[in-house]
Amino acid sequence: MNNRCRGEMRYVLTSWYWGKGIATKAMKLVAVSVFEERPELKRVEASVDGNNVGSQRVLAKAELTREGVLRKICVLKGRTRDMVMFSLVSTEPLQQ
């Protein structure tokens, strides 16, 4: 499988800045420009811990589509965790 047409979006934000819209704005800026800057990409993904409701909200506000849950896909602090997958595809129009 050729993954050259697929990219990933990630972010980390210190808790001092949570709830201020910074992550949402940053992800939205990337979302509206990524396919213009990288025309070979057809899909961009972002996954988030299933318990991280705030990050799920960030991705939804940035207009990524919630695709589903990857059940028990990783171990964090000795416990299996679910991840929620979000995506953006080049054929989906975004509000700017």
C-alpha atoms as a PDB file:
ATOM      1  CA  MET A   1       0.000   0.000   0.000  1.00  0.00           C
ATOM      2  CA  ASN A   2       1.313   3.432  -0.944  1.00  0.00           C
ATOM      3  CA  ASN A   3       0.796   5.948   1.878  1.00  0.00           C
ATOM      4  CA  ARG A   4       2.238   8.951   0.050  1.00  0.00           C
ATOM      5  CA  CYS A   5      -1.255  10.330  -0.477  1.00  0.00           C
ATOM      6  CA  ARG A   6      -1.987  10.321   3.264  1.00  0.00           C
ATOM      7  CA  GLY A   7      -0.797  12.651   6.015  1.00  0.00           C
ATOM      8  CA  GLU A   8      -1.304  13.073   9.746  1.00  0.00           C
ATOM      9  CA  MET A   9      -2.202  16.119  11.818  1.00  0.00           C
ATOM     10  CA  ARG A  10      -1.145  16.323  15.463  1.00  0.00           C
ATOM     11  CA  TYR A  11      -0.843  18.967  18.113  1.00  0.00           C
ATOM     12  CA  VAL A  12       0.260  19.360  21.708  1.00  0.00           C
ATOM     13  CA  LEU A  13      -0.826  22.291  23.827  1.00  0.00           C
ATOM     14  CA  THR A  14       0.192  22.987  27.409  1.00  0.00           C
ATOM     15  CA  SER A  15      -2.729  23.072  29.841  1.00  0.00           C
ATOM     16  CA  TRP A  16      -2.239  26.809  30.424  1.00  0.00           C
ATOM     17  CA  TYR A  17      -3.731  27.390  26.979  1.00  0.00           C
ATOM     18  CA  TRP A  18      -6.572  24.852  27.033  1.00  0.00           C
ATOM     19  CA  GLY A  19     -10.047  26.236  26.370  1.00  0.00           C
ATOM     20  CA  LYS A  20      -8.849  29.381  24.577  1.00  0.00           C
ATOM     21  CA  GLY A  21      -9.496  28.223  21.003  1.00  0.00           C
ATOM     22  CA  ILE A  22      -5.798  28.121  20.099  1.00  0.00           C
ATOM     23  CA  ALA A  23      -5.684  24.455  19.050  1.00  0.00           C
ATOM     24  CA  THR A  24      -8.929  24.801  17.107  1.00  0.00           C
ATOM     25  CA  LYS A  25      -7.628  27.832  15.217  1.00  0.00           C
ATOM     26  CA  ALA A  26      -4.299  26.149  14.443  1.00  0.00           C
ATOM     27  CA  MET A  27      -5.919  22.944  13.215  1.00  0.00           C
ATOM     28  CA  LYS A  28      -8.404  24.903  11.120  1.00  0.00           C
ATOM     29  CA  LEU A  29      -5.561  26.873   9.476  1.00  0.00           C
ATOM     30  CA  VAL A  30      -3.811  23.639   8.574  1.00  0.00           C
ATOM     31  CA  ALA A  31      -7.046  22.037   7.374  1.00  0.00           C
ATOM     32  CA  VAL A  32      -7.892  24.832   4.930  1.00  0.00           C
ATOM     33  CA  SER A  33      -4.401  24.978   3.409  1.00  0.00           C
ATOM     34  CA  VAL A  34      -2.956  21.466   3.537  1.00  0.00           C
ATOM     35  CA  PHE A  35      -4.264  20.279   0.169  1.00  0.00           C
ATOM     36  CA  GLU A  36      -3.134  23.462  -1.594  1.00  0.00           C
ATOM     37  CA  GLU A  37       0.350  23.233  -0.122  1.00  0.00           C
ATOM     38  CA  ARG A  38       0.628  19.458  -0.538  1.00  0.00           C
ATOM     39  CA  PRO A  39      -1.419  18.552  -3.642  1.00  0.00           C
ATOM     40  CA  GLU A  40      -0.211  14.939  -3.562  1.00  0.00           C
ATOM     41  CA  LEU A  41      -2.192  14.404  -0.354  1.00  0.00           C
ATOM     42  CA  LYS A  42      -5.716  13.103  -0.717  1.00  0.00           C
ATOM     43  CA  ARG A  43      -6.382  12.381   2.946  1.00  0.00           C
ATOM     44  CA  VAL A  44      -5.236  13.759   6.300  1.00  0.00           C
ATOM     45  CA  GLU A  45      -5.877  11.893   9.543  1.00  0.00           C
ATOM     46  CA  ALA A  46      -5.858  12.776  13.215  1.00  0.00           C
ATOM     47  CA  SER A  47      -6.397  10.314  16.031  1.00  0.00           C
ATOM     48  CA  VAL A  48      -7.106  11.159  19.638  1.00  0.00           C
ATOM     49  CA  ASP A  49      -7.480   9.234  22.888  1.00  0.00           C
ATOM     50  CA  GLY A  50     -11.074   8.113  23.300  1.00  0.00           C
ATOM     51  CA  ASN A  51     -11.257   9.783  26.716  1.00  0.00           C
ATOM     52  CA  ASN A  52      -9.981  13.141  25.470  1.00  0.00           C
ATOM     53  CA  VAL A  53     -13.288  14.865  24.770  1.00  0.00           C
ATOM     54  CA  GLY A  54     -11.639  18.286  24.449  1.00  0.00           C
ATOM     55  CA  SER A  55      -9.380  17.178  21.609  1.00  0.00           C
ATOM     56  CA  GLN A  56     -12.280  15.468  19.879  1.00  0.00           C
ATOM     57  CA  ARG A  57     -14.134  18.779  20.032  1.00  0.00           C
ATOM     58  CA  VAL A  58     -11.096  20.600  18.590  1.00  0.00           C
ATOM     59  CA  LEU A  59     -10.987  18.284  15.583  1.00  0.00           C
ATOM     60  CA  ALA A  60     -14.737  18.485  15.012  1.00  0.00           C
ATOM     61  CA  LYS A  61     -14.618  22.304  15.129  1.00  0.00           C
ATOM     62  CA  ALA A  62     -11.756  22.200  12.617  1.00  0.00           C
ATOM     63  CA  GLU A  63     -14.202  20.334  10.345  1.00  0.00           C
ATOM     64  CA  LEU A  64     -12.503  16.951  10.397  1.00  0.00           C
ATOM     65  CA  THR A  65     -14.944  14.050  10.091  1.00  0.00           C
ATOM     66  CA  ARG A  66     -15.200  11.578  12.958  1.00  0.00           C
ATOM     67  CA  GLU A  67     -14.768   8.195  11.309  1.00  0.00           C
ATOM     68  CA  GLY A  68     -14.922   5.827  14.230  1.00  0.00           C
ATOM     69  CA  VAL A  69     -13.225   4.215  17.183  1.00  0.00           C
ATOM     70  CA  LEU A  70     -10.093   2.081  17.012  1.00  0.00           C
ATOM     71  CA  ARG A  71     -10.785  -0.150  19.988  1.00  0.00           C
ATOM     72  CA  LYS A  72      -7.972  -1.130  22.349  1.00  0.00           C
ATOM     73  CA  ILE A  73      -5.348   0.029  19.861  1.00  0.00           C
ATOM     74  CA  CYS A  74      -2.683   1.212  22.291  1.00  0.00           C
ATOM     75  CA  VAL A  75      -1.439   0.913  25.849  1.00  0.00           C
ATOM     76  CA  LEU A  76      -1.046   4.060  27.932  1.00  0.00           C
ATOM     77  CA  LYS A  77       0.128   3.895  31.528  1.00  0.00           C
ATOM     78  CA  GLY A  78      -0.440   0.144  31.558  1.00  0.00           C
ATOM     79  CA  ARG A  79      -4.040   0.296  30.305  1.00  0.00           C
ATOM     80  CA  THR A  80      -5.407  -0.436  26.862  1.00  0.00           C
ATOM     81  CA  ARG A  81      -6.971   2.600  25.255  1.00  0.00           C
ATOM     82  CA  ASP A  82      -9.343   3.360  22.429  1.00  0.00           C
ATOM     83  CA  MET A  83      -8.487   6.008  19.856  1.00  0.00           C
ATOM     84  CA  VAL A  84     -10.990   8.036  17.854  1.00  0.00           C
ATOM     85  CA  MET A  85     -10.069   8.578  14.207  1.00  0.00           C
ATOM     86  CA  PHE A  86     -10.877  11.827  12.408  1.00  0.00           C
ATOM     87  CA  SER A  87     -10.102  12.631   8.793  1.00  0.00           C
ATOM     88  CA  LEU A  88     -10.215  15.242   6.103  1.00  0.00           C
ATOM     89  CA  VAL A  89     -10.226  14.358   2.407  1.00  0.00           C
ATOM     90  CA  SER A  90      -9.286  16.630  -0.449  1.00  0.00           C
ATOM     91  CA  THR A  91     -12.730  16.466  -2.070  1.00  0.00           C
ATOM     92  CA  GLU A  92     -14.559  17.799   1.002  1.00  0.00           C
ATOM     93  CA  PRO A  93     -15.120  21.562   0.929  1.00  0.00           C
ATOM     94  CA  LEU A  94     -14.304  23.486   4.108  1.00  0.00           C
ATOM     95  CA  GLN A  95     -15.671  26.765   5.385  1.00  0.00           C
ATOM     96  CA  GLN A  96     -12.855  29.290   5.609  1.00  0.00           C
END
